[in-house]
Amino acid sequence: MRDLFGDEIQQKCARINIYADEIQSKKCAYTNDNWFYIGIIVEDLDNPLLDDIINERYCDNFDKKVPYFAKNDREIHWSEVNDIDTKNICKRWLKYMITTYKSEKKFYAYILGINNSKLSKTEFDDKNEFNSKYNRFFRSAVLYALKSFFSNARVIVKKIYHEQGQQQNHKYFPWHSIYKIGRRDKNIQFKCDNVTFLPKDHRKDRRSNIIQLCDLFLGVSTSILHGIKKSKRSVYREELANMFLPLFQKMVDEPYEENGVYAHSNRVMIRFFPKEQSSPLDLQRFVNQFYTKRRLYYMEQKAGQLSLF
């Protein structure tokens, strides 16, 4: 490819790592439809994310002798954010996501929400239904994220990381998405043949900090969509949901324009699929089936209009 002067245009190259996690079995309070969600965080290795996230966790203080080190060393599971120390780690991470000048070229994240109730079971393996669905939609999520985040670049994927779980025992999942995307897209090159599965515990593997970050991103987002069950300890997750709510509203609504620049579009995104139930015989069933607008049950909870049982 050459410019107007006949000089060859050098295509940009993005070297990345991908981190992924999932949330299963979330029921819509309005329709009773069952959903599952795939979360992806992409790290641009020329603008690394991992060290930033670790620094935010420990407030740049890695002295194990100080009392605050243990407070900042908590393992992050959204469903278990039940104390102030864990909440404060999450709060710093969410602030990092939200603060554009900190994370603009470092934090890329995408959630794909799948309405399981609207999928045709005949299109998937009935003996291993969830993993069959997950494998197919994981590939779709990875491809869409890379095309959106690095649309004008050649992408080199060094590693794909996923939290340890049932996917690692599936015969296709660890390698199939890499194989399929690598064969079909000449602008995406993989330096790995298989997904690497990480423990949740960051003390066992420092890269698990981003797996926990993905858990937080998924957890707070799906809680805004599906609501937070009230309890004595839910106040901590509610505080975090309130903090993230303005950005999430931009993700599901129109992109937010600030001084002529879309601050978060094509960097922090969410989409849902499918919009309507369809038949496998319908050859156009995937056309215009992705969407972003959803009612946010947490907002109605917050306004006191509804309660979650």
Protein backbone atom coordinates (compact mmCIF):
# COMPACT_ATOMS: atom_id res chain seq x y z
CA MET A 1 0.00 0.00 0.00
CA ARG A 2 1.44 3.43 -1.00
CA ASP A 3 0.64 7.07 -0.23
CA LEU A 4 0.03 9.90 -2.73
CA PHE A 5 3.77 10.34 -3.20
CA GLY A 6 4.35 6.69 -4.02
CA ASP A 7 6.00 5.90 -0.68
CA GLU A 8 5.05 2.64 0.97
CA ILE A 9 2.77 3.05 3.99
CA GLN A 10 4.02 1.15 7.00
CA GLN A 11 1.11 -0.54 8.75
CA LYS A 12 1.01 -0.03 12.49
CA CYS A 13 1.63 -3.10 14.60
CA ALA A 14 0.00 -3.76 17.98
CA ARG A 15 1.51 -6.40 20.27
CA ILE A 16 -1.07 -7.51 22.80
CA ASN A 17 -2.11 -9.93 25.51
CA ILE A 18 -5.75 -10.91 26.04
CA TYR A 19 -7.28 -11.70 29.44
CA ALA A 20 -10.75 -13.25 29.75
CA ASP A 21 -13.33 -14.34 32.30
CA GLU A 22 -17.04 -15.15 32.29
CA ILE A 23 -20.20 -14.86 34.37
CA GLN A 24 -22.94 -17.46 34.00
CA SER A 25 -26.64 -17.75 34.81
CA LYS A 26 -27.82 -14.16 35.27
CA LYS A 27 -31.60 -13.83 35.08
CA CYS A 28 -33.22 -10.70 33.61
CA ALA A 29 -35.60 -9.18 36.15
CA TYR A 30 -37.91 -7.95 33.37
CA THR A 31 -38.18 -10.99 31.07
CA ASN A 32 -36.78 -13.91 33.12
CA ASP A 33 -34.41 -14.64 30.23
CA ASN A 34 -31.14 -16.31 31.23
CA TRP A 35 -27.89 -14.59 30.26
CA PHE A 36 -24.17 -15.33 30.34
CA TYR A 37 -21.38 -12.82 29.78
CA ILE A 38 -17.87 -12.97 28.37
CA GLY A 39 -15.44 -10.30 29.53
CA ILE A 40 -12.21 -9.45 27.70
CA ILE A 41 -9.41 -7.09 28.70
CA VAL A 42 -6.74 -6.36 26.10
CA GLU A 43 -3.28 -5.23 27.18
CA ASP A 44 -1.22 -3.30 24.63
CA LEU A 45 2.31 -4.44 25.44
CA ASP A 46 3.74 -1.15 24.20
CA ASN A 47 1.59 0.59 26.83
CA PRO A 48 1.46 -2.14 29.51
CA LEU A 49 -1.46 -2.38 31.90
CA LEU A 50 -0.31 -5.01 34.39
CA ASP A 51 2.20 -2.91 36.32
CA ASP A 52 -0.28 -0.05 36.59
CA ILE A 53 -2.96 -2.33 38.04
CA ILE A 54 -0.52 -3.78 40.57
CA ASN A 55 0.64 -0.29 41.56
CA GLU A 56 -2.97 0.82 42.02
CA ARG A 57 -3.67 -2.25 44.16
CA TYR A 58 -0.83 -1.55 46.59
CA CYS A 59 -0.82 2.26 46.32
CA ASP A 60 2.82 1.96 45.13
CA ASN A 61 3.81 0.59 48.55
CA PHE A 62 5.19 -2.96 48.40
CA ASP A 63 6.64 -3.11 51.90
CA LYS A 64 5.13 -6.27 53.37
CA LYS A 65 5.93 -5.09 56.90
CA VAL A 66 3.50 -2.18 56.83
CA PRO A 67 -0.05 -2.94 58.01
CA TYR A 68 -1.66 -1.70 54.80
CA PHE A 69 0.07 -4.28 52.64
CA ALA A 70 -2.17 -7.10 53.89
CA LYS A 71 -5.25 -4.89 53.44
CA ASN A 72 -4.29 -4.29 49.81
CA ASP A 73 -3.39 -7.92 49.15
CA ARG A 74 -7.00 -9.17 49.14
CA GLU A 75 -8.16 -11.41 46.31
CA ILE A 76 -10.89 -9.71 44.28
CA HIS A 77 -14.13 -11.57 43.59
CA TRP A 78 -17.06 -9.27 42.84
CA SER A 79 -19.53 -11.55 44.62
CA GLU A 80 -17.34 -11.42 47.73
CA VAL A 81 -16.79 -7.66 48.01
CA ASN A 82 -18.02 -7.62 51.59
CA ASP A 83 -15.54 -5.43 53.46
CA ILE A 84 -14.01 -2.00 53.22
CA ASP A 85 -10.48 -3.12 52.34
CA THR A 86 -11.58 -5.19 49.34
CA LYS A 87 -13.92 -2.39 48.29
CA ASN A 88 -11.07 0.13 48.38
CA ILE A 89 -8.94 -1.95 45.99
CA CYS A 90 -11.92 -2.16 43.64
CA LYS A 91 -12.51 1.56 43.99
CA ARG A 92 -8.96 2.37 42.92
CA TRP A 93 -9.24 0.01 39.95
CA LEU A 94 -12.57 1.48 38.84
CA LYS A 95 -11.16 4.99 39.16
CA TYR A 96 -8.28 3.90 36.95
CA MET A 97 -10.74 2.59 34.30
CA ILE A 98 -12.78 5.79 34.43
CA THR A 99 -9.87 8.26 34.45
CA THR A 100 -9.06 8.75 30.78
CA TYR A 101 -5.64 10.34 31.21
CA LYS A 102 -4.47 7.28 33.18
CA SER A 103 -5.97 4.47 31.15
CA GLU A 104 -6.61 5.86 27.66
CA LYS A 105 -3.98 3.82 25.82
CA LYS A 106 -3.75 1.05 28.40
CA PHE A 107 -7.21 -0.22 29.34
CA TYR A 108 -9.24 -1.83 26.57
CA ALA A 109 -12.24 -3.87 27.67
CA TYR A 110 -15.24 -5.51 26.03
CA ILE A 111 -18.22 -7.46 27.34
CA LEU A 112 -20.39 -9.67 25.15
CA GLY A 113 -23.70 -10.57 26.76
CA ILE A 114 -25.49 -13.64 25.39
CA ASN A 115 -29.23 -14.12 25.89
CA ASN A 116 -29.19 -17.87 26.37
CA SER A 117 -32.99 -18.04 26.28
CA LYS A 118 -33.01 -16.82 22.67
CA LEU A 119 -30.41 -19.24 21.32
CA SER A 120 -31.46 -22.31 19.36
CA LYS A 121 -30.24 -25.41 21.23
CA THR A 122 -30.12 -27.40 18.00
CA GLU A 123 -27.09 -25.39 16.88
CA PHE A 124 -24.94 -26.51 19.81
CA ASP A 125 -23.59 -29.71 21.31
CA ASP A 126 -26.37 -31.04 23.56
CA LYS A 127 -23.89 -33.08 25.64
CA ASN A 128 -21.73 -30.08 26.52
CA GLU A 129 -24.09 -27.24 25.79
CA PHE A 130 -22.50 -24.36 27.72
CA ASN A 131 -18.95 -24.99 26.53
CA SER A 132 -20.18 -25.39 22.95
CA LYS A 133 -21.86 -21.98 23.15
CA TYR A 134 -19.00 -20.39 25.03
CA ASN A 135 -16.40 -21.54 22.54
CA ARG A 136 -18.30 -20.03 19.61
CA PHE A 137 -19.07 -16.71 21.25
CA PHE A 138 -15.62 -16.37 22.79
CA ARG A 139 -14.18 -16.41 19.28
CA SER A 140 -16.69 -13.76 18.20
CA ALA A 141 -15.85 -11.58 21.23
CA VAL A 142 -12.09 -11.76 20.67
CA LEU A 143 -12.39 -10.93 16.98
CA TYR A 144 -14.75 -8.00 17.51
CA ALA A 145 -12.61 -6.55 20.31
CA LEU A 146 -9.42 -6.68 18.26
CA LYS A 147 -11.07 -5.22 15.17
CA SER A 148 -12.56 -2.38 17.22
CA PHE A 149 -9.59 -1.51 19.40
CA PHE A 150 -6.91 -1.79 16.70
CA SER A 151 -8.83 -1.19 13.49
CA ASN A 152 -5.91 0.17 11.47
CA ALA A 153 -3.18 -2.05 12.84
CA ARG A 154 -1.71 -5.47 12.33
CA VAL A 155 -2.29 -7.30 15.61
CA ILE A 156 0.16 -9.76 17.12
CA VAL A 157 -1.39 -11.72 20.00
CA LYS A 158 1.37 -12.93 22.30
CA LYS A 159 -0.84 -14.71 24.84
CA ILE A 160 -4.48 -15.37 25.65
CA TYR A 161 -5.17 -15.85 29.37
CA HIS A 162 -8.37 -17.17 30.90
CA GLU A 163 -9.32 -17.91 34.48
CA GLN A 164 -9.07 -21.58 35.35
CA GLY A 165 -12.40 -23.35 34.97
CA GLN A 166 -14.40 -25.88 33.00
CA GLN A 167 -13.21 -24.43 29.67
CA GLN A 168 -9.72 -25.85 30.14
CA ASN A 169 -11.10 -29.40 29.96
CA HIS A 170 -13.09 -28.79 26.79
CA LYS A 171 -11.61 -30.48 23.72
CA TYR A 172 -11.93 -27.39 21.52
CA PHE A 173 -11.79 -24.28 23.68
CA PRO A 174 -8.04 -24.05 24.48
CA TRP A 175 -7.01 -23.95 20.79
CA HIS A 176 -10.01 -23.58 18.51
CA SER A 177 -10.52 -19.78 18.58
CA ILE A 178 -6.81 -19.18 17.96
CA TYR A 179 -6.81 -21.60 15.04
CA LYS A 180 -9.98 -20.20 13.45
CA ILE A 181 -9.12 -16.51 13.75
CA GLY A 182 -5.52 -17.06 12.69
CA ARG A 183 -6.61 -18.83 9.52
CA ARG A 184 -9.30 -16.35 8.52
CA ASP A 185 -7.78 -12.96 9.30
CA LYS A 186 -4.42 -12.05 7.81
CA ASN A 187 -4.09 -8.96 10.05
CA ILE A 188 -4.20 -11.00 13.27
CA GLN A 189 -1.25 -13.22 14.09
CA PHE A 190 -0.99 -15.49 17.14
CA LYS A 191 2.29 -16.32 18.87
CA CYS A 192 0.52 -18.93 21.00
CA ASP A 193 -1.26 -22.15 20.06
CA ASN A 194 -3.37 -22.51 23.20
CA VAL A 195 -5.09 -20.43 25.85
CA THR A 196 -3.12 -20.20 29.10
CA PHE A 197 -5.28 -20.77 32.20
CA LEU A 198 -4.45 -18.67 35.25
CA PRO A 199 -5.46 -19.12 38.88
CA LYS A 200 -7.60 -16.41 40.42
CA ASP A 201 -5.01 -15.81 43.15
CA HIS A 202 -2.58 -13.00 42.25
CA ARG A 203 -0.17 -14.32 44.88
CA LYS A 204 0.34 -17.43 42.75
CA ASP A 205 0.71 -15.53 39.47
CA ARG A 206 0.99 -11.73 39.20
CA ARG A 207 -0.86 -11.81 35.86
CA SER A 208 -3.94 -12.90 37.79
CA ASN A 209 -4.32 -9.28 38.86
CA ILE A 210 -5.83 -8.63 35.43
CA ILE A 211 -8.03 -11.72 35.71
CA GLN A 212 -9.37 -10.17 38.93
CA LEU A 213 -9.73 -6.81 37.16
CA CYS A 214 -11.81 -8.56 34.50
CA ASP A 215 -13.95 -10.14 37.25
CA LEU A 216 -14.54 -6.66 38.67
CA PHE A 217 -15.39 -5.16 35.27
CA LEU A 218 -17.84 -7.99 34.56
CA GLY A 219 -19.27 -8.01 38.07
CA VAL A 220 -20.03 -4.31 38.37
CA SER A 221 -21.41 -4.16 34.81
CA THR A 222 -23.76 -7.14 35.21
CA SER A 223 -24.88 -5.85 38.62
CA ILE A 224 -25.94 -2.59 36.99
CA LEU A 225 -27.84 -4.59 34.38
CA HIS A 226 -29.42 -7.15 36.71
CA GLY A 227 -29.46 -5.38 40.07
CA ILE A 228 -27.82 -6.02 43.44
CA LYS A 229 -29.56 -8.16 46.01
CA LYS A 230 -29.87 -6.18 49.25
CA SER A 231 -27.98 -7.44 52.29
CA LYS A 232 -25.98 -6.06 55.20
CA ARG A 233 -22.84 -6.21 53.06
CA SER A 234 -24.26 -5.12 49.70
CA VAL A 235 -23.54 -1.49 50.55
CA TYR A 236 -19.93 -1.98 49.39
CA ARG A 237 -20.95 -3.24 45.94
CA GLU A 238 -23.61 -0.53 45.69
CA GLU A 239 -20.98 2.15 46.29
CA LEU A 240 -18.85 0.69 43.50
CA ALA A 241 -21.85 0.38 41.16
CA ASN A 242 -22.70 4.04 41.79
CA MET A 243 -19.15 4.99 40.94
CA PHE A 244 -19.15 3.04 37.66
CA LEU A 245 -22.74 3.86 36.63
CA PRO A 246 -22.02 7.06 34.61
CA LEU A 247 -19.49 5.26 32.41
CA PHE A 248 -21.73 2.23 32.04
CA GLN A 249 -24.62 4.42 30.93
CA LYS A 250 -22.38 5.77 28.16
CA MET A 251 -21.49 2.22 27.14
CA VAL A 252 -25.12 1.17 26.67
CA ASP A 253 -26.34 4.50 25.34
CA GLU A 254 -24.78 6.97 22.91
CA PRO A 255 -20.99 7.50 23.01
CA TYR A 256 -19.98 10.36 25.26
CA GLU A 257 -18.44 13.29 23.40
CA GLU A 258 -15.99 15.51 25.27
CA ASN A 259 -14.40 18.43 23.38
CA GLY A 260 -15.08 16.71 20.09
CA VAL A 261 -13.44 13.44 21.21
CA TYR A 262 -15.31 10.28 22.08
CA ALA A 263 -13.65 9.57 25.40
CA HIS A 264 -14.65 5.93 25.86
CA SER A 265 -16.00 4.61 22.55
CA ASN A 266 -13.91 1.86 20.97
CA ARG A 267 -12.03 1.43 24.25
CA VAL A 268 -14.62 0.27 26.81
CA MET A 269 -17.60 -1.44 25.16
CA ILE A 270 -20.51 -3.79 25.71
CA ARG A 271 -22.84 -5.53 23.23
CA PHE A 272 -25.69 -8.00 23.54
CA PHE A 273 -26.85 -10.88 21.33
CA PRO A 274 -29.33 -11.83 19.95
CA LYS A 275 -32.01 -9.19 19.72
CA GLU A 276 -34.67 -11.66 18.62
CA GLN A 277 -35.29 -15.40 18.67
CA SER A 278 -34.54 -16.95 15.28
CA SER A 279 -34.59 -20.30 13.52
CA PRO A 280 -31.46 -22.10 12.29
CA LEU A 281 -33.20 -22.20 8.89
CA ASP A 282 -33.11 -18.39 8.69
CA LEU A 283 -29.95 -17.57 6.73
CA GLN A 284 -30.15 -13.90 7.80
CA ARG A 285 -30.60 -14.67 11.50
CA PHE A 286 -27.35 -13.00 12.59
CA VAL A 287 -27.94 -9.76 10.66
CA ASN A 288 -28.51 -6.76 12.97
CA GLN A 289 -28.81 -9.04 16.00
CA PHE A 290 -26.17 -7.26 18.10
CA TYR A 291 -27.30 -4.27 20.17
CA THR A 292 -26.22 -2.09 23.10
CA LYS A 293 -29.31 -0.53 24.68
CA ARG A 294 -30.72 -2.31 27.74
CA ARG A 295 -32.81 -1.27 30.73
CA LEU A 296 -30.62 -0.97 33.81
CA TYR A 297 -32.37 -2.67 36.69
CA TYR A 298 -29.96 -1.24 39.24
CA MET A 299 -31.03 2.31 38.32
CA GLU A 300 -34.62 1.46 39.11
CA GLN A 301 -33.59 -0.24 42.34
CA LYS A 302 -31.60 2.86 43.22
CA ALA A 303 -34.59 5.10 42.52
CA GLY A 304 -36.68 2.94 44.86
CA GLN A 305 -39.07 1.83 42.13
CA LEU A 306 -38.25 -1.86 42.36
CA SER A 307 -36.75 -4.37 44.74
CA LEU A 308 -34.71 -7.46 43.94
CA PHE A 309 -35.73 -10.71 45.65
